[in-house]
Amino acid sequence: EAPGPAVPSALPKVLSAVFYGTCSFLIVLVNKALLSAYSFPSPIFLGIGQMAATILILYVSKLNKIVHFPDFDKSIPVKLFPLPLIYVGNHISGLSSTSKLSLPMFTVLRKFTIPLTLLLEIIILGKRYPLSIVVSVFGIILGAFIAAWSDLSFNLEGYTFVLLNDIFTAANGVYTKQKIDPKELGKYGVLFYNACFMVVPTVIISFSTGDFQQATHFQHWTNFLFVFQFILSCILGFLLMYSTVLCSHYNSALTTTVIGAIKNISVAYIGMLIGGDYIFSILNFIGLNICMAGGLRYSFLALRGNSKPTQPEDEE
């Protein structure tokens, strides 16, 4: 990537955004099938599988000189902090909330990531946003509140996990944007060492909570379709992390969050038809649609804004 003030062309921005949106869409559907349809009891074990896939794919790619990132030295944990902690929190809370909520409610509550990202970008990266963007965010939140207020399948544990997941996702996007700028680690180094640092603590959490034992005694390990979807989820876990870093690199952390919101529109409406755990009510449906309209308006404004040259005072 050539250094200098030149704004990246629109194509890498759009392609990285589409790649992230596709991975994000597919992994929600696959994880929902594993955790709900098959009733897989161990979301943390699934997270370990995704971390292991990331480590394996990147290590083999490095050995074969497909990708490049620095060998380990004692300065790397300092350079990465606090990303590994955010990363594991994001992983566990995301998988736990997927198993406890209907897809439409999961996607609505995930909208709270947007104002959190907005807030963190203002605080950590010093960015400023126009009133039209802030109004769209308010529309998303209003719709989410209406939908959640009338949710007939209220699950306190699920709501807690998904709101924690929003906080971790917002922090992950903003800190990733901050950490991939230094030339030392690069995109692949951030991904690889993130997974390496957190896989052991996650295994310990999995053992201590009984999550690991439940996974090993699960009855569907002889079912080819289940195993295929489990492996697919692990690979998609890597692709999602990679596409998040790529999208944050070419766009802002906020745009990455916006793409997630666009993806959530399709997931929410598909979730009404499949999954079998959405309970229809008029107020919930209205809230859902207000939320989606705010998301689309917000997406339009953000992507239109991204196509313009950056302001002189807002050099990235």
Foldseek 3Di string as FASTA:
>chain_A
DDDDQDADAVVLLVVLLVLLLVLLLVLLVLLLCLCQVLVQPFQLVLVLLLLVLLQVVLVVCVVVVVDDADDDDPCVVVLQPPQLVLVSLLRSLLSVLSNQDQLLLLLLLLLLLQVLLVVCCCVPVVDDDDPLLVVLSVLLVQLNCLLQVPAPSDDPSSSVSSNSNSNSLSVNLQVLLVSQPDPRGHLSNSSNVSSVVNSVVSVVVCVVVCSVVSNVPRPCPVPPVSVVSSNVSSNSSNSNSSSSSSNCNSAPSSLSSLSSSQSSLVSNVVSVVPSPRGDDDPSNVSSSVSNNVSSVSSNVVRSVVSNDRDDPVDGD
